[in-house]
Amino acid sequence: MNNLKITKTLQDYFFVLYVLAELGAREKTVKLSTKFLAEKLDLSQQTISRYLISLERIGWIRRTATREGSFIRITDLGDLQLRKVRAALNFIFERKPSPIIIEGTVFSGLGEGAYYVTREPYRKQFIEKLGFDPYPGTLNLKLTSEYDIQMRRELEVRSGIEIHGFSDANRTYGPVKCFLARVNGKEKGAVILALRTHYDSSVIEVIAPKHLRNVLGLKDGNRVRVEVFLEG
């Protein structure tokens, strides 16, 4: 894990150092006026002059001041500060997202899950994209805490695994978004978010290769913990 220590020095001077790097001062000595830098950073010339003096004093830049402007080059020490920030940002953006934990209580639905899961165009995509043939039905969980409902809403804005919709002679079936999941720390499955559903954000539906009620001994009212993986 990358641990970036946010020192007061880094807080105070990073954006000046960043702008200098943006203007080419990492690769070569550049000539810049305090007026230009002040406009670039929306600061006063006096503030920019103070920052440049401080950056030179702590060894992050080399500077030669003239009447026409300053000749500035970022030092190896200054470059190291930029690299530390870049490494920390790379870690944040490239790491695998942590699973989302959602808890809810089991309740009996209207039986629609079995109907939709067994539609062959859906089923084929479940097998191909989720890696299992789902049991004909869904485990319905009612979310009772605001935290769990918010986590459910978080899934709505994630890309997930897309199951395409289709049409037959009678009707159109909408697309479904899925997230691989683990139920009660034991059984693999997937949370499904249908774009056409009568449930709101206080409910999640889970499919699995097994009948979850049977294998986990679940009844209405039992509490269930679902670990939702944000990457397939």
Protein backbone atom coordinates (compact mmCIF):
# COMPACT_ATOMS: atom_id res chain seq x y z
CA MET A 1 0.00 0.00 0.00
CA ASN A 2 1.27 3.50 -0.85
CA ASN A 3 1.27 5.83 2.15
CA LEU A 4 1.72 9.46 1.14
CA LYS A 5 2.62 11.64 4.08
CA ILE A 6 0.84 14.96 3.61
CA THR A 7 3.25 17.36 5.27
CA LYS A 8 2.54 21.06 5.71
CA THR A 9 5.37 21.79 3.27
CA LEU A 10 3.75 19.61 0.60
CA GLN A 11 0.36 21.20 1.26
CA ASP A 12 1.76 24.72 0.99
CA TYR A 13 3.91 24.32 -2.10
CA PHE A 14 2.68 21.39 -4.16
CA PHE A 15 0.55 23.34 -6.63
CA VAL A 16 3.34 25.84 -7.30
CA LEU A 17 5.68 22.90 -7.91
CA TYR A 18 3.05 21.26 -10.12
CA VAL A 19 2.63 24.38 -12.27
CA LEU A 20 6.40 24.71 -12.62
CA ALA A 21 6.53 21.09 -13.80
CA GLU A 22 3.63 21.73 -16.18
CA LEU A 23 5.62 24.60 -17.67
CA GLY A 24 8.60 22.35 -18.34
CA ALA A 25 10.81 23.00 -15.31
CA ARG A 26 11.34 19.27 -14.70
CA GLU A 27 13.19 18.81 -17.98
CA LYS A 28 14.99 22.14 -18.35
CA THR A 29 15.55 25.58 -16.89
CA VAL A 30 12.64 27.86 -17.74
CA LYS A 31 12.35 31.62 -17.60
CA LEU A 32 9.21 32.80 -15.82
CA SER A 33 7.98 36.07 -14.36
CA THR A 34 6.22 36.37 -11.04
CA LYS A 35 3.42 38.21 -12.86
CA PHE A 36 2.84 35.24 -15.18
CA LEU A 37 2.91 32.71 -12.31
CA ALA A 38 0.60 34.91 -10.23
CA GLU A 39 -1.96 34.94 -13.03
CA LYS A 40 -1.55 31.21 -13.60
CA LEU A 41 -2.16 30.38 -9.92
CA ASP A 42 -4.57 33.27 -9.19
CA LEU A 43 -2.28 34.61 -6.47
CA SER A 44 -0.54 37.92 -5.86
CA GLN A 45 2.97 38.53 -7.15
CA GLN A 46 4.15 39.01 -3.58
CA THR A 47 2.78 35.58 -2.62
CA ILE A 48 4.43 33.93 -5.65
CA SER A 49 7.77 35.58 -4.78
CA ARG A 50 7.50 34.28 -1.23
CA TYR A 51 6.69 30.76 -2.46
CA LEU A 52 9.63 30.72 -4.87
CA ILE A 53 12.00 31.85 -2.14
CA SER A 54 10.68 29.10 0.14
CA LEU A 55 10.92 26.42 -2.58
CA GLU A 56 14.50 27.42 -3.22
CA ARG A 57 15.30 27.39 0.51
CA ILE A 58 13.94 23.83 1.02
CA GLY A 59 15.81 22.63 -2.04
CA TRP A 60 12.90 21.81 -4.36
CA ILE A 61 13.95 24.28 -7.06
CA ARG A 62 17.07 26.09 -8.24
CA ARG A 63 16.40 29.74 -9.11
CA THR A 64 18.28 32.68 -10.49
CA ALA A 65 16.38 35.97 -10.23
CA THR A 66 16.88 38.71 -12.83
CA ARG A 67 15.06 41.91 -13.73
CA GLU A 68 13.34 40.14 -16.64
CA GLY A 69 12.19 37.17 -14.56
CA SER A 70 13.47 34.07 -12.79
CA PHE A 71 15.33 31.15 -14.31
CA ILE A 72 13.88 28.09 -12.55
CA ARG A 73 14.64 24.37 -12.61
CA ILE A 74 13.04 21.72 -10.38
CA THR A 75 15.70 19.79 -8.45
CA ASP A 76 15.85 16.03 -7.90
CA LEU A 77 14.35 16.61 -4.45
CA GLY A 78 11.46 18.57 -5.93
CA ASP A 79 10.95 15.92 -8.59
CA LEU A 80 10.78 13.32 -5.82
CA GLN A 81 7.81 15.15 -4.26
CA LEU A 82 5.96 15.03 -7.59
CA ARG A 83 6.73 11.33 -7.97
CA LYS A 84 5.44 10.58 -4.48
CA VAL A 85 2.10 12.23 -5.28
CA ARG A 86 1.92 10.45 -8.64
CA ALA A 87 2.58 7.07 -7.00
CA ALA A 88 -0.13 7.70 -4.41
CA LEU A 89 -2.65 8.67 -7.09
CA ASN A 90 -1.72 5.63 -9.21
CA PHE A 91 -2.38 3.42 -6.20
CA ILE A 92 -5.83 4.96 -5.68
CA PHE A 93 -6.92 4.69 -9.32
CA GLU A 94 -5.36 1.33 -10.20
CA ARG A 95 -6.10 -0.74 -7.12
CA LYS A 96 -8.92 -3.25 -7.17
CA PRO A 97 -12.02 -1.76 -5.52
CA SER A 98 -12.94 -3.21 -2.13
CA PRO A 99 -16.16 -5.24 -1.99
CA ILE A 100 -19.34 -3.56 -0.81
CA ILE A 101 -21.07 -5.24 2.12
CA ILE A 102 -24.86 -5.12 2.14
CA GLU A 103 -27.10 -6.73 4.75
CA GLY A 104 -30.82 -7.36 4.61
CA THR A 105 -33.60 -9.64 5.81
CA VAL A 106 -35.12 -12.41 3.74
CA PHE A 107 -38.67 -11.95 2.48
CA SER A 108 -40.87 -13.80 0.02
CA GLY A 109 -41.35 -12.07 -3.30
CA LEU A 110 -44.06 -12.46 -5.89
CA GLY A 111 -42.35 -15.30 -7.73
CA GLU A 112 -41.30 -13.11 -10.63
CA GLY A 113 -37.62 -14.00 -10.13
CA ALA A 114 -38.09 -17.59 -11.24
CA TYR A 115 -39.89 -16.47 -14.38
CA TYR A 116 -37.22 -14.00 -15.48
CA VAL A 117 -34.18 -16.10 -14.54
CA THR A 118 -35.46 -18.99 -16.66
CA ARG A 119 -35.91 -16.90 -19.83
CA GLU A 120 -33.40 -18.59 -22.11
CA PRO A 121 -31.72 -15.44 -23.53
CA TYR A 122 -31.11 -14.25 -19.95
CA ARG A 123 -30.01 -17.70 -18.76
CA LYS A 124 -27.45 -18.11 -21.54
CA GLN A 125 -25.88 -14.76 -20.66
CA PHE A 126 -25.84 -15.59 -16.94
CA ILE A 127 -23.93 -18.80 -17.67
CA GLU A 128 -21.50 -17.06 -20.01
CA LYS A 129 -20.86 -13.90 -18.02
CA LEU A 130 -21.35 -15.00 -14.40
CA GLY A 131 -19.92 -18.49 -14.73
CA PHE A 132 -22.89 -20.38 -13.35
CA ASP A 133 -26.36 -21.62 -14.29
CA PRO A 134 -28.70 -19.88 -11.83
CA TYR A 135 -31.27 -21.66 -9.74
CA PRO A 136 -34.73 -20.64 -11.05
CA GLY A 137 -35.54 -17.97 -8.51
CA THR A 138 -34.09 -15.06 -6.56
CA LEU A 139 -33.29 -14.52 -2.90
CA ASN A 140 -35.03 -11.28 -1.95
CA LEU A 141 -33.54 -9.14 0.81
CA LYS A 142 -35.15 -6.12 2.42
CA LEU A 143 -32.63 -3.48 3.44
CA THR A 144 -33.49 -1.81 6.72
CA SER A 145 -30.59 0.55 7.46
CA GLU A 146 -29.84 3.77 5.60
CA TYR A 147 -26.26 2.60 5.20
CA ASP A 148 -27.31 -0.58 3.36
CA ILE A 149 -29.73 1.36 1.17
CA GLN A 150 -26.94 3.82 0.30
CA MET A 151 -24.64 0.92 -0.61
CA ARG A 152 -27.40 -0.44 -2.86
CA ARG A 153 -27.61 2.95 -4.55
CA GLU A 154 -23.85 2.89 -5.02
CA LEU A 155 -24.30 -0.19 -7.19
CA GLU A 156 -26.74 1.68 -9.41
CA VAL A 157 -24.01 4.05 -10.58
CA ARG A 158 -21.39 1.31 -11.12
CA SER A 159 -21.00 -0.34 -14.49
CA GLY A 160 -21.34 -3.97 -13.34
CA ILE A 161 -21.73 -6.95 -15.66
CA GLU A 162 -24.27 -6.17 -18.36
CA ILE A 163 -26.92 -8.70 -19.34
CA HIS A 164 -28.54 -7.51 -22.54
CA GLY A 165 -32.26 -7.24 -22.97
CA PHE A 166 -34.19 -8.94 -25.75
CA SER A 167 -37.61 -9.23 -27.33
CA ASP A 168 -39.86 -12.13 -28.21
CA ALA A 169 -43.23 -12.32 -29.95
CA ASN A 170 -45.07 -11.09 -26.87
CA ARG A 171 -42.94 -8.50 -25.12
CA THR A 172 -39.62 -6.77 -24.56
CA TYR A 173 -37.31 -7.74 -21.69
CA GLY A 174 -35.02 -5.02 -20.40
CA PRO A 175 -31.31 -5.16 -19.66
CA VAL A 176 -30.04 -6.38 -16.31
CA LYS A 177 -26.93 -5.31 -14.42
CA CYS A 178 -25.13 -7.88 -12.26
CA PHE A 179 -22.37 -7.96 -9.65
CA LEU A 180 -20.69 -11.14 -8.52
CA ALA A 181 -21.24 -11.74 -4.82
CA ARG A 182 -20.71 -14.08 -1.88
CA VAL A 183 -23.64 -14.78 0.45
CA ASN A 184 -23.06 -15.23 4.19
CA GLY A 185 -19.38 -15.77 3.44
CA LYS A 186 -20.07 -19.19 1.88
CA GLU A 187 -22.11 -19.34 -1.30
CA LYS A 188 -21.26 -17.66 -4.58
CA GLY A 189 -23.94 -15.78 -6.45
CA ALA A 190 -24.70 -12.42 -8.01
CA VAL A 191 -26.73 -9.35 -7.13
CA ILE A 192 -28.99 -8.41 -10.04
CA LEU A 193 -30.38 -4.96 -10.72
CA ALA A 194 -33.18 -5.08 -13.24
CA LEU A 195 -34.01 -1.81 -14.94
CA ARG A 196 -37.67 -2.87 -14.96
CA THR A 197 -38.68 -3.88 -11.46
CA HIS A 198 -41.35 -3.03 -8.94
CA TYR A 199 -38.77 -2.98 -6.13
CA ASP A 200 -37.08 0.23 -5.01
CA SER A 201 -33.61 0.82 -3.53
CA SER A 202 -34.60 -0.85 -0.27
CA VAL A 203 -34.45 -4.30 -1.89
CA ILE A 204 -31.76 -6.40 -3.52
CA GLU A 205 -32.26 -9.63 -5.45
CA VAL A 206 -29.62 -12.36 -5.47
CA ILE A 207 -29.25 -15.27 -7.88
CA ALA A 208 -26.99 -18.28 -7.32
CA PRO A 209 -26.26 -21.74 -8.75
CA LYS A 210 -27.92 -23.24 -5.66
CA HIS A 211 -31.22 -22.73 -3.87
CA LEU A 212 -29.89 -20.34 -1.23
CA ARG A 213 -32.83 -20.74 1.13
CA ASN A 214 -32.15 -24.47 1.33
CA VAL A 215 -28.34 -24.57 1.46
CA LEU A 216 -28.15 -21.76 4.02
CA GLY A 217 -31.27 -22.76 5.96
CA LEU A 218 -32.92 -19.38 5.47
CA LYS A 219 -36.45 -18.35 6.35
CA ASP A 220 -38.31 -15.06 6.06
CA GLY A 221 -36.93 -12.61 8.58
CA ASN A 222 -33.41 -14.11 8.68
CA ARG A 223 -30.60 -11.62 8.28
CA VAL A 224 -28.20 -12.18 5.37
CA ARG A 225 -24.82 -10.62 4.59
CA VAL A 226 -23.90 -10.13 0.94
CA GLU A 227 -20.36 -9.31 -0.15
CA VAL A 228 -20.64 -7.58 -3.54
CA PHE A 229 -17.59 -7.49 -5.79
CA LEU A 230 -17.31 -4.39 -7.93
CA GLU A 231 -15.15 -6.09 -10.56
CA GLY A 232 -15.98 -9.30 -12.34
